[in-house]
Amino acid sequence: MTDTITPEVSDRICKHMNDDHPDAVLLYAKAYGHMTEAEAAQMLKVDPEGMDLAVNMGSQNSTVRITFDHVLQDSEDAHQTLIAMVKTARS
């Protein structure tokens, strides 16, 4: 059984993505947040409807909300959705 997306699960997902996949987080900001000038991004929060990112665009910092294409059911759904979003953005 997988975890529902609680604040603790969100923190775990964000830490993993920020520590191990910063390139993917930046890609989310550019492709789905339409922040093509982004130089760096950090995942702040994940909930069933979407994710919040902090985005650095040189001298300007901003946040962006990216909505998922469906409501996430659990942490495994979040995992698969984030992978699919990276694959889509790269193609």
PDB file of N, CA and C in Angstrom:
ATOM      1  N   MET A   1       0.850  -1.192   0.000  1.00  0.00           N
ATOM      2  CA  MET A   1       0.000   0.000   0.000  1.00  0.00           C
ATOM      3  C   MET A   1       0.890   1.248   0.000  1.00  0.00           C
ATOM      4  N   THR A   2       0.511   2.243  -0.747  1.00  0.00           N
ATOM      5  CA  THR A   2       1.300   3.469  -0.841  1.00  0.00           C
ATOM      6  C   THR A   2       0.717   4.549   0.059  1.00  0.00           C
ATOM      7  N   ASP A   3       1.503   5.589   0.268  1.00  0.00           N
ATOM      8  CA  ASP A   3       1.131   6.671   1.173  1.00  0.00           C
ATOM      9  C   ASP A   3       0.220   7.679   0.498  1.00  0.00           C
ATOM     10  N   THR A   4      -0.766   8.178   1.259  1.00  0.00           N
ATOM     11  CA  THR A   4      -1.515   9.334   0.783  1.00  0.00           C
ATOM     12  C   THR A   4      -0.577  10.537   0.856  1.00  0.00           C
ATOM     13  N   ILE A   5      -0.912  11.600   0.180  1.00  0.00           N
ATOM     14  CA  ILE A   5      -0.004  12.739   0.115  1.00  0.00           C
ATOM     15  C   ILE A   5      -0.290  13.681   1.287  1.00  0.00           C
ATOM     16  N   THR A   6       0.360  13.380   2.388  1.00  0.00           N
ATOM     17  CA  THR A   6       0.307  14.202   3.593  1.00  0.00           C
ATOM     18  C   THR A   6       1.427  15.239   3.510  1.00  0.00           C
ATOM     19  N   PRO A   7       1.454  16.214   4.416  1.00  0.00           N
ATOM     20  CA  PRO A   7       2.586  17.147   4.423  1.00  0.00           C
ATOM     21  C   PRO A   7       3.938  16.444   4.585  1.00  0.00           C
ATOM     22  N   GLU A   8       3.976  15.353   5.350  1.00  0.00           N
ATOM     23  CA  GLU A   8       5.220  14.617   5.528  1.00  0.00           C
ATOM     24  C   GLU A   8       5.654  13.942   4.226  1.00  0.00           C
ATOM     25  N   VAL A   9       4.706  13.377   3.511  1.00  0.00           N
ATOM     26  CA  VAL A   9       5.015  12.752   2.219  1.00  0.00           C
ATOM     27  C   VAL A   9       5.459  13.824   1.228  1.00  0.00           C
ATOM     28  N   SER A  10       4.796  14.979   1.235  1.00  0.00           N
ATOM     29  CA  SER A  10       5.200  16.086   0.372  1.00  0.00           C
ATOM     30  C   SER A  10       6.644  16.482   0.656  1.00  0.00           C
ATOM     31  N   ASP A  11       6.987  16.607   1.932  1.00  0.00           N
ATOM     32  CA  ASP A  11       8.358  16.970   2.296  1.00  0.00           C
ATOM     33  C   ASP A  11       9.356  15.940   1.779  1.00  0.00           C
ATOM     34  N   ARG A  12       9.012  14.665   1.894  1.00  0.00           N
ATOM     35  CA  ARG A  12       9.897  13.584   1.428  1.00  0.00           C
ATOM     36  C   ARG A  12      10.087  13.665  -0.091  1.00  0.00           C
ATOM     37  N   ILE A  13       8.985  13.865  -0.827  1.00  0.00           N
ATOM     38  CA  ILE A  13       9.064  13.984  -2.287  1.00  0.00           C
ATOM     39  C   ILE A  13       9.916  15.191  -2.666  1.00  0.00           C
ATOM     40  N   CYS A  14       9.654  16.325  -2.034  1.00  0.00           N
ATOM     41  CA  CYS A  14      10.398  17.548  -2.365  1.00  0.00           C
ATOM     42  C   CYS A  14      11.888  17.385  -2.085  1.00  0.00           C
ATOM     43  N   LYS A  15      12.237  16.820  -0.934  1.00  0.00           N
ATOM     44  CA  LYS A  15      13.649  16.618  -0.609  1.00  0.00           C
ATOM     45  C   LYS A  15      14.314  15.725  -1.649  1.00  0.00           C
ATOM     46  N   HIS A  16      13.659  14.637  -2.006  1.00  0.00           N
ATOM     47  CA  HIS A  16      14.212  13.727  -3.013  1.00  0.00           C
ATOM     48  C   HIS A  16      14.399  14.449  -4.345  1.00  0.00           C
ATOM     49  N   MET A  17      13.387  15.149  -4.794  1.00  0.00           N
ATOM     50  CA  MET A  17      13.483  15.823  -6.096  1.00  0.00           C
ATOM     51  C   MET A  17      14.552  16.916  -6.075  1.00  0.00           C
ATOM     52  N   ASN A  18      14.595  17.713  -5.018  1.00  0.00           N
ATOM     53  CA  ASN A  18      15.574  18.797  -4.941  1.00  0.00           C
ATOM     54  C   ASN A  18      17.002  18.273  -4.807  1.00  0.00           C
ATOM     55  N   ASP A  19      17.179  17.200  -4.042  1.00  0.00           N
ATOM     56  CA  ASP A  19      18.527  16.659  -3.833  1.00  0.00           C
ATOM     57  C   ASP A  19      19.021  15.827  -5.012  1.00  0.00           C
ATOM     58  N   ASP A  20      18.128  15.016  -5.588  1.00  0.00           N
ATOM     59  CA  ASP A  20      18.546  14.031  -6.594  1.00  0.00           C
ATOM     60  C   ASP A  20      18.175  14.382  -8.034  1.00  0.00           C
ATOM     61  N   HIS A  21      17.200  15.258  -8.223  1.00  0.00           N
ATOM     62  CA  HIS A  21      16.729  15.562  -9.579  1.00  0.00           C
ATOM     63  C   HIS A  21      16.489  17.059  -9.805  1.00  0.00           C
ATOM     64  N   PRO A  22      17.456  17.912  -9.461  1.00  0.00           N
ATOM     65  CA  PRO A  22      17.235  19.352  -9.654  1.00  0.00           C
ATOM     66  C   PRO A  22      17.000  19.727 -11.117  1.00  0.00           C
ATOM     67  N   ASP A  23      17.579  18.962 -12.043  1.00  0.00           N
ATOM     68  CA  ASP A  23      17.357  19.223 -13.467  1.00  0.00           C
ATOM     69  C   ASP A  23      15.891  19.011 -13.844  1.00  0.00           C
ATOM     70  N   ALA A  24      15.245  18.011 -13.255  1.00  0.00           N
ATOM     71  CA  ALA A  24      13.834  17.758 -13.531  1.00  0.00           C
ATOM     72  C   ALA A  24      12.966  18.873 -12.956  1.00  0.00           C
ATOM     73  N   VAL A  25      13.303  19.349 -11.757  1.00  0.00           N
ATOM     74  CA  VAL A  25      12.527  20.433 -11.140  1.00  0.00           C
ATOM     75  C   VAL A  25      12.633  21.694 -12.000  1.00  0.00           C
ATOM     76  N   LEU A  26      13.823  21.984 -12.492  1.00  0.00           N
ATOM     77  CA  LEU A  26      14.001  23.132 -13.388  1.00  0.00           C
ATOM     78  C   LEU A  26      13.189  22.943 -14.667  1.00  0.00           C
ATOM     79  N   LEU A  27      13.176  21.748 -15.179  1.00  0.00           N
ATOM     80  CA  LEU A  27      12.394  21.457 -16.384  1.00  0.00           C
ATOM     81  C   LEU A  27      10.905  21.670 -16.151  1.00  0.00           C
ATOM     82  N   TYR A  28      10.396  21.279 -14.970  1.00  0.00           N
ATOM     83  CA  TYR A  28       8.977  21.533 -14.646  1.00  0.00           C
ATOM     84  C   TYR A  28       8.692  23.033 -14.698  1.00  0.00           C
ATOM     85  N   ALA A  29       9.594  23.840 -14.126  1.00  0.00           N
ATOM     86  CA  ALA A  29       9.395  25.291 -14.118  1.00  0.00           C
ATOM     87  C   ALA A  29       9.363  25.856 -15.531  1.00  0.00           C
ATOM     88  N   LYS A  30      10.294  25.389 -16.366  1.00  0.00           N
ATOM     89  CA  LYS A  30      10.374  25.904 -17.734  1.00  0.00           C
ATOM     90  C   LYS A  30       9.218  25.425 -18.599  1.00  0.00           C
ATOM     91  N   ALA A  31       8.935  24.119 -18.572  1.00  0.00           N
ATOM     92  CA  ALA A  31       7.949  23.540 -19.490  1.00  0.00           C
ATOM     93  C   ALA A  31       6.513  23.742 -19.034  1.00  0.00           C
ATOM     94  N   TYR A  32       6.257  23.560 -17.742  1.00  0.00           N
ATOM     95  CA  TYR A  32       4.874  23.607 -17.250  1.00  0.00           C
ATOM     96  C   TYR A  32       4.551  24.919 -16.549  1.00  0.00           C
ATOM     97  N   GLY A  33       5.578  25.584 -16.019  1.00  0.00           N
ATOM     98  CA  GLY A  33       5.360  26.882 -15.388  1.00  0.00           C
ATOM     99  C   GLY A  33       5.552  28.031 -16.352  1.00  0.00           C
ATOM    100  N   HIS A  34       5.954  27.715 -17.587  1.00  0.00           N
ATOM    101  CA  HIS A  34       6.168  28.701 -18.651  1.00  0.00           C
ATOM    102  C   HIS A  34       7.175  29.774 -18.225  1.00  0.00           C
ATOM    103  N   MET A  35       8.176  29.351 -17.445  1.00  0.00           N
ATOM    104  CA  MET A  35       9.221  30.266 -16.985  1.00  0.00           C
ATOM    105  C   MET A  35      10.512  29.895 -17.718  1.00  0.00           C
ATOM    106  N   THR A  36      10.539  30.188 -19.003  1.00  0.00           N
ATOM    107  CA  THR A  36      11.635  29.758 -19.865  1.00  0.00           C
ATOM    108  C   THR A  36      12.977  30.377 -19.481  1.00  0.00           C
ATOM    109  N   GLU A  37      12.963  31.479 -18.743  1.00  0.00           N
ATOM    110  CA  GLU A  37      14.201  32.140 -18.324  1.00  0.00           C
ATOM    111  C   GLU A  37      14.722  31.601 -17.000  1.00  0.00           C
ATOM    112  N   ALA A  38      14.071  30.597 -16.438  1.00  0.00           N
ATOM    113  CA  ALA A  38      14.472  30.046 -15.146  1.00  0.00           C
ATOM    114  C   ALA A  38      15.890  29.500 -15.206  1.00  0.00           C
ATOM    115  N   GLU A  39      16.661  29.795 -14.170  1.00  0.00           N
ATOM    116  CA  GLU A  39      18.027  29.295 -14.044  1.00  0.00           C
ATOM    117  C   GLU A  39      18.125  28.198 -13.001  1.00  0.00           C
ATOM    118  N   ALA A  40      17.222  28.203 -12.037  1.00  0.00           N
ATOM    119  CA  ALA A  40      17.180  27.191 -10.984  1.00  0.00           C
ATOM    120  C   ALA A  40      15.767  27.132 -10.434  1.00  0.00           C
ATOM    121  N   ALA A  41      15.416  25.986  -9.894  1.00  0.00           N
ATOM    122  CA  ALA A  41      14.094  25.833  -9.294  1.00  0.00           C
ATOM    123  C   ALA A  41      14.183  24.843  -8.148  1.00  0.00           C
ATOM    124  N   GLN A  42      13.299  25.032  -7.184  1.00  0.00           N
ATOM    125  CA  GLN A  42      13.236  24.142  -6.039  1.00  0.00           C
ATOM    126  C   GLN A  42      11.775  23.792  -5.783  1.00  0.00           C
ATOM    127  N   MET A  43      11.503  22.513  -5.563  1.00  0.00           N
ATOM    128  CA  MET A  43      10.152  22.057  -5.268  1.00  0.00           C
ATOM    129  C   MET A  43       9.852  22.364  -3.806  1.00  0.00           C
ATOM    130  N   LEU A  44       8.777  23.108  -3.580  1.00  0.00           N
ATOM    131  CA  LEU A  44       8.413  23.511  -2.226  1.00  0.00           C
ATOM    132  C   LEU A  44       7.349  22.616  -1.603  1.00  0.00           C
ATOM    133  N   LYS A  45       6.397  22.183  -2.432  1.00  0.00           N
ATOM    134  CA  LYS A  45       5.246  21.445  -1.908  1.00  0.00           C
ATOM    135  C   LYS A  45       4.606  20.646  -3.025  1.00  0.00           C
ATOM    136  N   VAL A  46       4.090  19.463  -2.674  1.00  0.00           N
ATOM    137  CA  VAL A  46       3.292  18.642  -3.578  1.00  0.00           C
ATOM    138  C   VAL A  46       2.012  18.293  -2.847  1.00  0.00           C
ATOM    139  N   ASP A  47       0.901  18.451  -3.527  1.00  0.00           N
ATOM    140  CA  ASP A  47      -0.386  18.015  -2.980  1.00  0.00           C
ATOM    141  C   ASP A  47      -1.122  17.292  -4.106  1.00  0.00           C
ATOM    142  N   PRO A  48      -2.279  16.716  -3.832  1.00  0.00           N
ATOM    143  CA  PRO A  48      -2.949  15.935  -4.876  1.00  0.00           C
ATOM    144  C   PRO A  48      -3.274  16.712  -6.157  1.00  0.00           C
ATOM    145  N   GLU A  49      -3.395  18.031  -6.085  1.00  0.00           N
ATOM    146  CA  GLU A  49      -3.752  18.813  -7.270  1.00  0.00           C
ATOM    147  C   GLU A  49      -2.568  19.382  -8.037  1.00  0.00           C
ATOM    148  N   GLY A  50      -1.407  19.528  -7.373  1.00  0.00           N
ATOM    149  CA  GLY A  50      -0.292  20.143  -8.076  1.00  0.00           C
ATOM    150  C   GLY A  50       0.931  20.306  -7.203  1.00  0.00           C
ATOM    151  N   MET A  51       1.875  21.100  -7.716  1.00  0.00           N
ATOM    152  CA  MET A  51       3.121  21.355  -6.981  1.00  0.00           C
ATOM    153  C   MET A  51       3.451  22.839  -7.042  1.00  0.00           C
ATOM    154  N   ASP A  52       4.127  23.309  -5.996  1.00  0.00           N
ATOM    155  CA  ASP A  52       4.602  24.681  -5.907  1.00  0.00           C
ATOM    156  C   ASP A  52       6.116  24.671  -6.028  1.00  0.00           C
ATOM    157  N   LEU A  53       6.627  25.559  -6.872  1.00  0.00           N
ATOM    158  CA  LEU A  53       8.066  25.663  -7.088  1.00  0.00           C
ATOM    159  C   LEU A  53       8.536  27.073  -6.783  1.00  0.00           C
ATOM    160  N   ALA A  54       9.734  27.180  -6.213  1.00  0.00           N
ATOM    161  CA  ALA A  54      10.443  28.454  -6.105  1.00  0.00           C
ATOM    162  C   ALA A  54      11.380  28.507  -7.300  1.00  0.00           C
ATOM    163  N   VAL A  55      11.340  29.605  -8.027  1.00  0.00           N
ATOM    164  CA  VAL A  55      12.093  29.699  -9.275  1.00  0.00           C
ATOM    165  C   VAL A  55      12.996  30.926  -9.246  1.00  0.00           C
ATOM    166  N   ASN A  56      14.256  30.715  -9.627  1.00  0.00           N
ATOM    167  CA  ASN A  56      15.222  31.798  -9.725  1.00  0.00           C
ATOM    168  C   ASN A  56      15.441  32.109 -11.198  1.00  0.00           C
ATOM    169  N   MET A  57      15.244  33.379 -11.526  1.00  0.00           N
ATOM    170  CA  MET A  57      15.473  33.839 -12.900  1.00  0.00           C
ATOM    171  C   MET A  57      16.499  34.965 -12.857  1.00  0.00           C
ATOM    172  N   GLY A  58      17.714  34.619 -12.506  1.00  0.00           N
ATOM    173  CA  GLY A  58      18.773  35.616 -12.399  1.00  0.00           C
ATOM    174  C   GLY A  58      18.584  36.466 -11.164  1.00  0.00           C
ATOM    175  N   SER A  59      18.267  37.736 -11.358  1.00  0.00           N
ATOM    176  CA  SER A  59      18.092  38.648 -10.229  1.00  0.00           C
ATOM    177  C   SER A  59      16.668  38.610  -9.668  1.00  0.00           C
ATOM    178  N   GLN A  60      15.818  37.805 -10.247  1.00  0.00           N
ATOM    179  CA  GLN A  60      14.407  37.765  -9.838  1.00  0.00           C
ATOM    180  C   GLN A  60      14.044  36.371  -9.321  1.00  0.00           C
ATOM    181  N   ASN A  61      13.386  36.338  -8.165  1.00  0.00           N
ATOM    182  CA  ASN A  61      12.866  35.090  -7.603  1.00  0.00           C
ATOM    183  C   ASN A  61      11.351  35.125  -7.639  1.00  0.00           C
ATOM    184  N   SER A  62      10.756  33.971  -7.874  1.00  0.00           N
ATOM    185  CA  SER A  62       9.308  33.890  -8.007  1.00  0.00           C
ATOM    186  C   SER A  62       8.860  32.506  -7.559  1.00  0.00           C
ATOM    187  N   THR A  63       7.561  32.353  -7.384  1.00  0.00           N
ATOM    188  CA  THR A  63       6.994  31.030  -7.156  1.00  0.00           C
ATOM    189  C   THR A  63       5.983  30.761  -8.263  1.00  0.00           C
ATOM    190  N   VAL A  64       5.791  29.493  -8.536  1.00  0.00           N
ATOM    191  CA  VAL A  64       4.839  29.107  -9.567  1.00  0.00           C
ATOM    192  C   VAL A  64       4.094  27.858  -9.101  1.00  0.00           C
ATOM    193  N   ARG A  65       2.812  27.814  -9.413  1.00  0.00           N
ATOM    194  CA  ARG A  65       1.973  26.654  -9.125  1.00  0.00           C
ATOM    195  C   ARG A  65       1.776  25.890 -10.422  1.00  0.00           C
ATOM    196  N   ILE A  66       2.084  24.604 -10.406  1.00  0.00           N
ATOM    197  CA  ILE A  66       1.873  23.748 -11.571  1.00  0.00           C
ATOM    198  C   ILE A  66       0.812  22.730 -11.197  1.00  0.00           C
ATOM    199  N   THR A  67      -0.275  22.738 -11.949  1.00  0.00           N
ATOM    200  CA  THR A  67      -1.394  21.847 -11.678  1.00  0.00           C
ATOM    201  C   THR A  67      -1.206  20.547 -12.443  1.00  0.00           C
ATOM    202  N   PHE A  68      -1.462  19.424 -11.778  1.00  0.00           N
ATOM    203  CA  PHE A  68      -1.381  18.123 -12.435  1.00  0.00           C
ATOM    204  C   PHE A  68      -2.577  17.926 -13.358  1.00  0.00           C
ATOM    205  N   ASP A  69      -2.469  16.977 -14.289  1.00  0.00           N
ATOM    206  CA  ASP A  69      -3.567  16.709 -15.231  1.00  0.00           C
ATOM    207  C   ASP A  69      -4.652  15.836 -14.617  1.00  0.00           C
ATOM    208  N   HIS A  70      -4.440  15.371 -13.386  1.00  0.00           N
ATOM    209  CA  HIS A  70      -5.441  14.602 -12.647  1.00  0.00           C
ATOM    210  C   HIS A  70      -5.128  14.739 -11.158  1.00  0.00           C
ATOM    211  N   VAL A  71      -6.073  14.392 -10.323  1.00  0.00           N
ATOM    212  CA  VAL A  71      -5.856  14.429  -8.880  1.00  0.00           C
ATOM    213  C   VAL A  71      -5.083  13.178  -8.480  1.00  0.00           C
ATOM    214  N   LEU A  72      -3.946  13.386  -7.830  1.00  0.00           N
ATOM    215  CA  LEU A  72      -3.107  12.264  -7.422  1.00  0.00           C
ATOM    216  C   LEU A  72      -3.781  11.452  -6.326  1.00  0.00           C
ATOM    217  N   GLN A  73      -3.684  10.134  -6.444  1.00  0.00           N
ATOM    218  CA  GLN A  73      -4.302   9.247  -5.462  1.00  0.00           C
ATOM    219  C   GLN A  73      -3.384   8.959  -4.282  1.00  0.00           C
ATOM    220  N   ASP A  74      -2.067   8.869  -4.526  1.00  0.00           N
ATOM    221  CA  ASP A  74      -1.127   8.484  -3.477  1.00  0.00           C
ATOM    222  C   ASP A  74       0.292   8.800  -3.943  1.00  0.00           C
ATOM    223  N   SER A  75       1.264   8.431  -3.107  1.00  0.00           N
ATOM    224  CA  SER A  75       2.651   8.760  -3.430  1.00  0.00           C
ATOM    225  C   SER A  75       3.151   8.029  -4.673  1.00  0.00           C
ATOM    226  N   GLU A  76       2.676   6.829  -4.919  1.00  0.00           N
ATOM    227  CA  GLU A  76       3.076   6.111  -6.141  1.00  0.00           C
ATOM    228  C   GLU A  76       2.542   6.821  -7.377  1.00  0.00           C
ATOM    229  N   ASP A  77       1.325   7.330  -7.298  1.00  0.00           N
ATOM    230  CA  ASP A  77       0.750   8.109  -8.398  1.00  0.00           C
ATOM    231  C   ASP A  77       1.586   9.374  -8.613  1.00  0.00           C
ATOM    232  N   ALA A  78       2.021  10.013  -7.527  1.00  0.00           N
ATOM    233  CA  ALA A  78       2.885  11.193  -7.648  1.00  0.00           C
ATOM    234  C   ALA A  78       4.184  10.826  -8.352  1.00  0.00           C
ATOM    235  N   HIS A  79       4.779   9.734  -7.947  1.00  0.00           N
ATOM    236  CA  HIS A  79       6.033   9.264  -8.546  1.00  0.00           C
ATOM    237  C   HIS A  79       5.875   9.058 -10.054  1.00  0.00           C
ATOM    238  N   GLN A  80       4.866   8.322 -10.444  1.00  0.00           N
ATOM    239  CA  GLN A  80       4.639   8.028 -11.867  1.00  0.00           C
ATOM    240  C   GLN A  80       4.290   9.292 -12.649  1.00  0.00           C
ATOM    241  N   THR A  81       3.522  10.182 -12.043  1.00  0.00           N
ATOM    242  CA  THR A  81       3.127  11.426 -12.714  1.00  0.00           C
ATOM    243  C   THR A  81       4.335  12.323 -12.942  1.00  0.00           C
ATOM    244  N   LEU A  82       5.190  12.467 -11.933  1.00  0.00           N
ATOM    245  CA  LEU A  82       6.379  13.306 -12.086  1.00  0.00           C
ATOM    246  C   LEU A  82       7.316  12.743 -13.155  1.00  0.00           C
ATOM    247  N   ILE A  83       7.460  11.440 -13.209  1.00  0.00           N
ATOM    248  CA  ILE A  83       8.275  10.815 -14.266  1.00  0.00           C
ATOM    249  C   ILE A  83       7.669  11.092 -15.640  1.00  0.00           C
ATOM    250  N   ALA A  84       6.364  10.899 -15.768  1.00  0.00           N
ATOM    251  CA  ALA A  84       5.706  11.133 -17.056  1.00  0.00           C
ATOM    252  C   ALA A  84       5.836  12.581 -17.497  1.00  0.00           C
ATOM    253  N   MET A  85       5.745  13.507 -16.545  1.00  0.00           N
ATOM    254  CA  MET A  85       5.867  14.932 -16.888  1.00  0.00           C
ATOM    255  C   MET A  85       7.256  15.254 -17.415  1.00  0.00           C
ATOM    256  N   VAL A  86       8.297  14.665 -16.833  1.00  0.00           N
ATOM    257  CA  VAL A  86       9.660  14.892 -17.319  1.00  0.00           C
ATOM    258  C   VAL A  86       9.807  14.330 -18.727  1.00  0.00           C
ATOM    259  N   LYS A  87       9.307  13.108 -18.936  1.00  0.00           N
ATOM    260  CA  LYS A  87       9.411  12.498 -20.266  1.00  0.00           C
ATOM    261  C   LYS A  87       8.689  13.326 -21.314  1.00  0.00           C
ATOM    262  N   THR A  88       7.515  13.817 -20.982  1.00  0.00           N
ATOM    263  CA  THR A  88       6.757  14.652 -21.915  1.00  0.00           C
ATOM    264  C   THR A  88       7.499  15.951 -22.211  1.00  0.00           C
ATOM    265  N   ALA A  89       8.021  16.579 -21.186  1.00  0.00           N
ATOM    266  CA  ALA A  89       8.716  17.854 -21.367  1.00  0.00           C
ATOM    267  C   ALA A  89       9.986  17.700 -22.188  1.00  0.00           C
ATOM    268  N   ARG A  90      10.643  16.563 -22.069  1.00  0.00           N
ATOM    269  CA  ARG A  90      11.878  16.336 -22.826  1.00  0.00           C
ATOM    270  C   ARG A  90      11.627  15.985 -24.288  1.00  0.00           C
ATOM    271  N   SER A  91      10.427  15.526 -24.598  1.00  0.00           N
ATOM    272  CA  SER A  91      10.160  15.100 -25.987  1.00  0.00           C
ATOM    273  C   SER A  91       9.668  16.251 -26.849  1.00  0.00           C
TER     274      SER A  91
END
